[in-house]
């Protein structure tokens, strides 16, 4: 839901309405904190919920204990993500990187202290996460309020409590859009787990998803950078600049995607060696490698186009596109190919990739190519003016 700030703060920064960024961030704190409160029952009653979902009793009980210890982490998200988007919109990514490095060093030390020194097990892991994430929050907040953002942070203000409903609607659209994308691959693993003799298939798919997750960090960086750049240009009324930023990001990300696609295709029979030495698993990964390669290639485009959508404020439209492509087309085709045609994990994955992700990417590409960027710049200027009048 904090992704709404990529649109609002990015466009306001481009329009030189600097004071609005701080107000937007405070609104996001309020909205996300209330969302954290609403989600509290899932943490407080994690054990009975997991038992209701069919999890083993010992797993459910331990998860319930850990979830209670992770409540501070839960609330840290309400502050950390808005701070991150607030700084990204001002192109202060190096600040985030340095603070993240400090948080990582703290995380390593506290992990050693609580997990190995004090032997606290999974509870120690939860405490460690609390420490490291709150270090990140405190570091970013300290930079913001102690002179790092003199134009965009002018102090706390009651104006943050105005226009909350409009802010909630945009935040909800952003959250739904990203959740539908993130849950899609969880559904893939869940469906694979229901196959007969699924152990090797799940192991192989998990390895492929791990490799995909590593490479996906590059497109995610383009997602964030493109969203901010497009929002900045639209807020400044520069439609041509937004179009150029989109073109450069897509072309660069695709070139990187082709490079990794070639690596996967060339080393398909050995890419899993860093995860497993089991021959059945290695062979299964090798068979799945061409799907992994095409997934990486598609993911070199799709996150960038999603970043364009966020920067342009199209979150609600993309949420509907994701729902239709992923869950009304991709999942049924994956189910049909996996069980109807007895293709197993390859059928499930192929159906969900070529039936869901590919269709969604093509639709986003068509929308982006047909976009009237000058008109979008005019809309952005109107939105910035509208939001400034609600304060």
Protein backbone atom coordinates (compact mmCIF):
# COMPACT_ATOMS: atom_id res chain seq x y z
CA UNK A 1 0.00 0.00 0.00
CA UNK A 2 2.98 2.30 0.48
CA UNK A 3 3.46 2.15 -3.30
CA UNK A 4 0.85 4.91 -3.57
CA UNK A 5 3.63 7.24 -2.41
CA UNK A 6 5.63 6.42 -5.53
CA UNK A 7 2.85 8.06 -7.53
CA UNK A 8 1.99 10.91 -5.18
CA UNK A 9 5.46 11.85 -3.92
CA UNK A 10 7.05 11.29 -7.32
CA UNK A 11 4.60 13.55 -9.13
CA UNK A 12 4.65 16.19 -6.38
CA UNK A 13 8.45 16.25 -6.44
CA UNK A 14 8.42 16.69 -10.21
CA UNK A 15 5.91 19.53 -9.85
CA UNK A 16 8.16 21.14 -7.19
CA UNK A 17 5.40 20.90 -4.56
CA UNK A 18 8.07 19.78 -2.11
CA UNK A 19 6.17 20.34 1.13
CA UNK A 20 3.48 17.90 -0.03
CA UNK A 21 5.88 14.95 0.16
CA UNK A 22 6.10 15.16 3.93
CA UNK A 23 2.32 15.40 4.24
CA UNK A 24 1.82 12.40 1.96
CA UNK A 25 4.27 10.34 4.00
CA UNK A 26 2.49 11.18 7.24
CA UNK A 27 -0.84 10.20 5.67
CA UNK A 28 0.71 6.91 4.66
CA UNK A 29 1.95 6.35 8.23
CA UNK A 30 -1.58 6.86 9.53
CA UNK A 31 -3.22 4.57 6.97
CA UNK A 32 -0.63 1.78 7.25
CA UNK A 33 -0.60 1.92 11.05
CA UNK A 34 -4.38 1.47 11.08
CA UNK A 35 -3.99 -1.45 8.65
CA UNK A 36 -1.44 -3.02 11.00
CA UNK A 37 -3.95 -2.71 13.85
CA UNK A 38 -6.64 -4.37 11.71
CA UNK A 39 -4.27 -7.26 10.94
CA UNK A 40 -3.36 -7.79 14.60
CA UNK A 41 -5.83 -10.70 15.09
CA UNK A 42 -3.87 -12.77 12.56
CA UNK A 43 -0.81 -12.47 14.81
CA UNK A 44 -2.65 -12.81 18.12
CA UNK A 45 -4.57 -15.90 16.99
CA UNK A 46 -2.03 -17.38 14.59
CA UNK A 47 -2.10 -20.85 16.21
CA UNK A 48 -5.86 -21.48 15.93
CA UNK A 49 -5.93 -20.00 12.43
CA UNK A 50 -3.13 -22.31 11.26
CA UNK A 51 -4.80 -25.32 12.89
CA UNK A 52 -8.02 -24.39 11.10
CA UNK A 53 -6.08 -24.37 7.82
CA UNK A 54 -4.87 -27.91 8.49
CA UNK A 55 -1.31 -27.28 9.68
CA UNK A 56 0.24 -29.78 12.15
CA UNK A 57 -0.39 -28.87 15.78
CA UNK A 58 3.30 -28.52 16.71
CA UNK A 59 3.93 -26.21 13.74
CA UNK A 60 0.84 -24.14 14.55
CA UNK A 61 1.78 -23.76 18.22
CA UNK A 62 5.36 -22.72 17.48
CA UNK A 63 4.18 -20.32 14.78
CA UNK A 64 1.80 -18.75 17.28
CA UNK A 65 4.64 -18.10 19.72
CA UNK A 66 6.89 -16.65 17.01
CA UNK A 67 4.10 -14.43 15.65
CA UNK A 68 3.71 -12.76 19.05
CA UNK A 69 7.41 -11.95 19.12
CA UNK A 70 7.19 -10.52 15.60
CA UNK A 71 4.60 -7.85 16.45
CA UNK A 72 7.24 -5.07 16.58
CA UNK A 73 8.38 -6.12 13.09
CA UNK A 74 4.77 -6.00 11.92
CA UNK A 75 4.38 -2.37 13.00
CA UNK A 76 7.80 -1.35 11.66
CA UNK A 77 6.51 -1.91 8.12
CA UNK A 78 3.98 0.90 8.58
CA UNK A 79 6.83 3.38 8.96
CA UNK A 80 9.71 1.87 6.99
CA UNK A 81 8.01 1.49 3.61
CA UNK A 82 6.64 5.07 3.49
CA UNK A 83 10.05 6.43 4.52
CA UNK A 84 11.69 4.41 1.77
CA UNK A 85 9.24 5.63 -0.90
CA UNK A 86 9.53 9.20 0.40
CA UNK A 87 13.32 9.15 -0.09
CA UNK A 88 13.21 7.24 -3.38
CA UNK A 89 10.92 9.90 -4.84
CA UNK A 90 13.70 12.43 -4.18
CA UNK A 91 16.33 10.18 -5.80
CA UNK A 92 18.01 9.56 -2.42
CA UNK A 93 18.62 5.86 -3.04
CA UNK A 94 22.19 5.98 -1.70
CA UNK A 95 20.87 7.12 1.68
CA UNK A 96 18.61 4.07 1.79
CA UNK A 97 21.53 1.84 0.75
CA UNK A 98 23.86 3.14 3.49
CA UNK A 99 21.21 2.88 6.21
CA UNK A 100 20.38 -0.63 4.97
CA UNK A 101 24.07 -1.56 5.25
CA UNK A 102 24.10 -0.41 8.88
CA UNK A 103 20.91 -2.39 9.53
CA UNK A 104 22.52 -5.46 7.93
CA UNK A 105 25.57 -5.20 10.20
CA UNK A 106 23.31 -4.88 13.23
CA UNK A 107 21.29 -7.84 11.97
CA UNK A 108 24.39 -10.05 11.70
CA UNK A 109 25.59 -9.14 15.20
CA UNK A 110 22.18 -9.51 16.86
CA UNK A 111 21.62 -12.82 15.02
CA UNK A 112 24.85 -14.18 16.46
CA UNK A 113 23.96 -12.84 19.91
CA UNK A 114 20.40 -14.17 20.21
CA UNK A 115 20.50 -17.28 18.03
CA UNK A 116 23.98 -18.69 18.78
CA UNK A 117 25.12 -17.02 21.98
CA UNK A 118 21.82 -17.11 23.90
CA UNK A 119 20.45 -20.16 22.01
CA UNK A 120 16.96 -18.66 21.63
CA UNK A 121 16.17 -20.51 18.39
CA UNK A 122 13.30 -19.22 16.26
CA UNK A 123 12.32 -16.74 18.96
CA UNK A 124 15.83 -15.31 18.72
CA UNK A 125 15.38 -15.03 14.96
CA UNK A 126 12.17 -13.04 15.48
CA UNK A 127 13.87 -10.72 17.98
CA UNK A 128 16.73 -10.24 15.52
CA UNK A 129 14.34 -9.18 12.77
CA UNK A 130 12.69 -6.71 15.16
CA UNK A 131 16.04 -5.10 15.92
CA UNK A 132 17.30 -4.83 12.35
CA UNK A 133 14.06 -3.50 10.87
CA UNK A 134 13.63 -0.87 13.58
CA UNK A 135 17.26 0.20 13.09
CA UNK A 136 16.31 0.79 9.46
CA UNK A 137 13.24 2.81 10.48
CA UNK A 138 15.15 4.91 13.02
CA UNK A 139 18.01 5.53 10.59
CA UNK A 140 15.77 6.70 7.74
CA UNK A 141 13.63 8.79 10.09
CA UNK A 142 16.69 10.42 11.68
CA UNK A 143 18.06 11.35 8.26
CA UNK A 144 14.69 12.80 7.25
CA UNK A 145 14.02 14.96 10.32
CA UNK A 146 17.61 15.98 11.10
CA UNK A 147 18.18 18.10 8.02
CA UNK A 148 18.50 15.53 5.25
CA UNK A 149 15.29 16.67 3.55
CA UNK A 150 14.92 20.40 4.32
CA UNK A 151 12.52 21.08 1.44
CA UNK A 152 10.26 18.07 1.77
CA UNK A 153 10.10 17.62 5.56
CA UNK A 154 8.73 20.65 7.40
CA UNK A 155 7.61 18.83 10.53
CA UNK A 156 4.51 17.02 11.72
CA UNK A 157 1.23 18.56 10.63
CA UNK A 158 -2.50 18.03 11.22
CA UNK A 159 -2.95 18.35 7.44
CA UNK A 160 -1.94 14.69 7.27
CA UNK A 161 -5.38 13.79 8.67
CA UNK A 162 -7.21 15.45 5.75
CA UNK A 163 -8.05 13.63 2.52
CA UNK A 164 -7.44 10.24 4.12
CA UNK A 165 -10.22 8.43 2.25
CA UNK A 166 -8.85 9.38 -1.18
CA UNK A 167 -5.43 8.30 0.01
CA UNK A 168 -6.83 4.97 1.26
CA UNK A 169 -8.39 4.25 -2.15
CA UNK A 170 -5.14 4.79 -4.03
CA UNK A 171 -3.16 2.85 -1.41
CA UNK A 172 -5.62 -0.04 -1.56
CA UNK A 173 -5.36 -0.17 -5.37
CA UNK A 174 -1.56 -0.26 -5.09
CA UNK A 175 -1.71 -3.02 -2.49
CA UNK A 176 -4.14 -5.15 -4.49
CA UNK A 177 -2.08 -4.72 -7.67
CA UNK A 178 1.16 -5.90 -6.04
CA UNK A 179 -0.46 -8.64 -3.92
CA UNK A 180 -2.09 -10.23 -6.96
CA UNK A 181 1.35 -10.37 -8.60
CA UNK A 182 3.20 -11.72 -5.55
CA UNK A 183 0.60 -14.34 -4.67
CA UNK A 184 0.63 -15.77 -8.20
CA UNK A 185 3.87 -17.69 -7.76
CA UNK A 186 2.78 -18.84 -4.29
CA UNK A 187 -0.23 -20.41 -6.01
CA UNK A 188 2.17 -22.18 -8.40
CA UNK A 189 4.07 -23.79 -5.52
CA UNK A 190 0.81 -24.66 -3.72
CA UNK A 191 -0.61 -26.36 -6.82
CA UNK A 192 2.63 -28.27 -7.36
CA UNK A 193 2.51 -29.53 -3.78
CA UNK A 194 -0.81 -31.25 -4.52
CA UNK A 195 0.64 -33.40 -7.30
CA UNK A 196 1.22 -37.10 -6.72
CA UNK A 197 4.78 -37.86 -5.54
CA UNK A 198 5.37 -34.13 -5.40
CA UNK A 199 8.56 -34.12 -3.31
CA UNK A 200 11.03 -33.96 -6.22
CA UNK A 201 8.79 -31.59 -8.18
CA UNK A 202 8.51 -29.21 -5.23
CA UNK A 203 12.27 -29.37 -4.60
CA UNK A 204 13.04 -28.60 -8.25
CA UNK A 205 10.45 -25.82 -8.43
CA UNK A 206 11.75 -24.28 -5.19
CA UNK A 207 15.27 -24.18 -6.64
CA UNK A 208 13.97 -22.54 -9.82
CA UNK A 209 11.98 -20.00 -7.80
CA UNK A 210 15.08 -19.21 -5.72
CA UNK A 211 17.14 -18.53 -8.86
CA UNK A 212 14.28 -16.49 -10.30
CA UNK A 213 14.03 -14.54 -7.05
CA UNK A 214 17.72 -13.63 -7.13
CA UNK A 215 17.54 -12.39 -10.72
CA UNK A 216 14.22 -10.65 -10.04
CA UNK A 217 15.99 -8.17 -7.77
CA UNK A 218 17.34 -6.49 -10.92
CA UNK A 219 13.91 -5.92 -12.53
CA UNK A 220 12.57 -4.85 -9.13
CA UNK A 221 15.25 -2.16 -9.07
CA UNK A 222 14.03 -1.04 -12.49
CA UNK A 223 10.46 -1.17 -11.14
CA UNK A 224 11.32 1.29 -8.38
CA UNK A 225 13.53 3.50 -10.52
CA UNK A 226 11.14 3.64 -13.45
CA UNK A 227 8.15 4.41 -11.24
CA UNK A 228 9.95 7.32 -9.60
CA UNK A 229 11.38 8.68 -12.84
CA UNK A 230 8.08 8.50 -14.72
CA UNK A 231 6.25 10.14 -11.80
CA UNK A 232 8.87 12.92 -11.58
CA UNK A 233 8.62 13.65 -15.30
CA UNK A 234 4.82 13.59 -15.37
CA UNK A 235 4.65 15.82 -12.31
CA UNK A 236 6.95 18.27 -14.07
CA UNK A 237 4.64 18.24 -17.11
CA UNK A 238 7.28 16.55 -19.28
CA UNK A 239 5.46 13.80 -21.16
CA UNK A 240 8.39 13.24 -23.54
CA UNK A 241 10.71 12.73 -20.57
CA UNK A 242 8.36 10.10 -19.12
CA UNK A 243 8.25 8.28 -22.47
CA UNK A 244 12.04 8.36 -22.75
CA UNK A 245 12.47 7.04 -19.20
CA UNK A 246 10.07 4.20 -19.99
CA UNK A 247 11.85 3.28 -23.22
CA UNK A 248 15.33 3.35 -21.69
CA UNK A 249 14.24 1.26 -18.68
CA UNK A 250 12.46 -1.38 -20.75
CA UNK A 251 15.30 -1.75 -23.29
CA UNK A 252 17.99 -1.93 -20.60
CA UNK A 253 16.06 -4.44 -18.51
CA UNK A 254 15.31 -6.62 -21.55
CA UNK A 255 19.00 -6.73 -22.50
CA UNK A 256 19.83 -7.89 -18.97
CA UNK A 257 16.98 -10.42 -19.16
CA UNK A 258 18.29 -11.84 -22.44
CA UNK A 259 21.73 -12.24 -20.87
CA UNK A 260 20.34 -14.29 -17.96
CA UNK A 261 18.06 -16.20 -20.34
CA UNK A 262 21.13 -17.31 -22.28
CA UNK A 263 22.95 -18.27 -19.08
CA UNK A 264 20.07 -20.48 -17.97
CA UNK A 265 19.76 -22.14 -21.38
CA UNK A 266 23.51 -22.80 -21.62
CA UNK A 267 24.02 -24.06 -18.05
CA UNK A 268 20.62 -25.73 -17.63
CA UNK A 269 22.13 -29.00 -16.41
CA UNK A 270 24.35 -27.46 -13.73
CA UNK A 271 22.55 -24.40 -12.33
CA UNK A 272 21.10 -26.40 -9.44
CA UNK A 273 24.43 -27.71 -8.12
CA UNK A 274 24.71 -24.90 -5.56
CA UNK A 275 21.42 -26.11 -4.04
CA UNK A 276 21.49 -29.90 -4.33
CA UNK A 277 23.58 -32.89 -5.40
CA UNK A 278 20.58 -35.21 -5.76
CA UNK A 279 20.51 -36.51 -9.34
CA UNK A 280 16.69 -36.73 -9.58
CA UNK A 281 16.40 -33.11 -8.41
CA UNK A 282 19.17 -31.94 -10.78
CA UNK A 283 17.46 -33.67 -13.69
CA UNK A 284 14.10 -32.17 -12.74
CA UNK A 285 15.61 -28.68 -12.59
CA UNK A 286 17.26 -29.23 -15.98
CA UNK A 287 13.87 -30.14 -17.48
CA UNK A 288 12.30 -27.02 -15.95
CA UNK A 289 15.16 -24.73 -16.96
CA UNK A 290 13.62 -23.56 -20.24
CA UNK A 291 10.51 -22.43 -18.34
CA UNK A 292 12.78 -20.70 -15.84
CA UNK A 293 14.59 -18.95 -18.70
CA UNK A 294 11.34 -17.67 -20.23
CA UNK A 295 10.07 -16.62 -16.79
CA UNK A 296 13.22 -14.54 -16.30
CA UNK A 297 12.82 -13.05 -19.78
CA UNK A 298 9.20 -12.07 -19.14
CA UNK A 299 10.11 -10.72 -15.71
CA UNK A 300 12.65 -8.42 -17.32
CA UNK A 301 9.74 -6.55 -18.91
CA UNK A 302 6.73 -6.99 -16.63
CA UNK A 303 8.06 -5.27 -13.46
CA UNK A 304 9.29 -2.30 -15.51
CA UNK A 305 5.85 -1.88 -17.07
CA UNK A 306 4.32 -2.17 -13.59
CA UNK A 307 6.69 0.58 -12.48
CA UNK A 308 5.42 2.76 -15.33
CA UNK A 309 1.88 2.05 -14.16
CA UNK A 310 2.72 3.05 -10.58
CA UNK A 311 4.45 6.24 -11.70
CA UNK A 312 1.46 7.12 -13.87
CA UNK A 313 -1.17 6.29 -11.24
CA UNK A 314 -2.73 3.36 -13.13
CA UNK A 315 -2.77 1.02 -10.11
CA UNK A 316 -6.52 0.34 -10.15
CA UNK A 317 -6.48 -0.58 -13.86
CA UNK A 318 -3.50 -2.88 -13.45
CA UNK A 319 -5.16 -4.57 -10.47
CA UNK A 320 -8.05 -5.61 -12.73
CA UNK A 321 -5.62 -6.72 -15.44
CA UNK A 322 -3.68 -8.82 -12.91
CA UNK A 323 -6.86 -10.39 -11.57
CA UNK A 324 -8.05 -11.36 -15.04
CA UNK A 325 -4.74 -12.54 -16.49
CA UNK A 326 -3.35 -14.32 -13.45
CA UNK A 327 -6.38 -15.86 -11.78
CA UNK A 328 -9.05 -16.09 -14.51
CA UNK A 329 -6.68 -17.20 -17.30
CA UNK A 330 -3.31 -18.35 -15.90
CA UNK A 331 -4.42 -20.50 -12.96
CA UNK A 332 -7.17 -22.40 -14.87
CA UNK A 333 -4.81 -23.07 -17.80
CA UNK A 334 -2.11 -24.23 -15.38
CA UNK A 335 -4.60 -26.53 -13.66
CA UNK A 336 -5.78 -27.91 -17.01
CA UNK A 337 -2.27 -28.58 -18.29
CA UNK A 338 -1.04 -29.98 -14.98
CA UNK A 339 -3.89 -32.38 -14.27
CA UNK A 340 -6.04 -32.49 -17.41
CA UNK A 341 -3.13 -33.25 -19.74
CA UNK A 342 -1.05 -34.96 -17.01
CA UNK A 343 1.95 -32.70 -17.62
CA UNK A 344 2.65 -32.24 -13.91
CA UNK A 345 4.70 -29.32 -12.70
CA UNK A 346 5.83 -28.43 -16.23
CA UNK A 347 2.23 -28.10 -17.35
CA UNK A 348 1.21 -26.04 -14.32
CA UNK A 349 4.13 -23.65 -14.71
CA UNK A 350 3.84 -23.39 -18.51
CA UNK A 351 0.13 -22.68 -18.27
CA UNK A 352 0.57 -20.01 -15.63
CA UNK A 353 3.50 -18.36 -17.41
CA UNK A 354 2.27 -18.36 -21.01
CA UNK A 355 -1.39 -18.09 -20.11
CA UNK A 356 -1.07 -15.54 -17.32
CA UNK A 357 2.20 -13.63 -17.11
CA UNK A 358 2.71 -13.41 -20.88
CA UNK A 359 -0.83 -12.16 -21.50
CA UNK A 360 -0.53 -9.59 -18.71
CA UNK A 361 2.83 -8.38 -20.06
CA UNK A 362 1.43 -8.02 -23.59
CA UNK A 363 -1.57 -6.03 -22.33
CA UNK A 364 0.63 -3.70 -20.27
CA UNK A 365 2.99 -3.28 -23.24
CA UNK A 366 0.10 -2.33 -25.54
CA UNK A 367 -1.27 0.16 -23.00
CA UNK A 368 2.17 1.70 -22.55
CA UNK A 369 2.89 1.95 -26.28
CA UNK A 370 -0.50 3.52 -26.99
CA UNK A 371 -0.20 5.96 -24.09
CA UNK A 372 -0.53 9.68 -24.84
CA UNK A 373 2.24 10.91 -22.55
CA UNK A 374 1.42 14.59 -22.96
CA UNK A 375 -2.13 13.85 -21.83
CA UNK A 376 -0.80 11.84 -18.87
CA UNK A 377 1.39 14.81 -17.92
CA UNK A 378 -1.70 17.04 -17.93
CA UNK A 379 -3.55 14.53 -15.74
CA UNK A 380 -0.62 14.40 -13.33
CA UNK A 381 -0.63 18.19 -13.02
CA UNK A 382 -4.36 18.11 -12.30
CA UNK A 383 -3.89 15.37 -9.69
CA UNK A 384 -1.11 17.28 -7.94
CA UNK A 385 -3.31 20.39 -7.86
CA UNK A 386 -6.29 18.39 -6.59
CA UNK A 387 -4.31 16.77 -3.80
CA UNK A 388 -2.76 20.07 -2.76
CA UNK A 389 -6.24 21.59 -2.46
CA UNK A 390 -7.34 18.86 -0.03
CA UNK A 391 -4.74 20.03 2.47
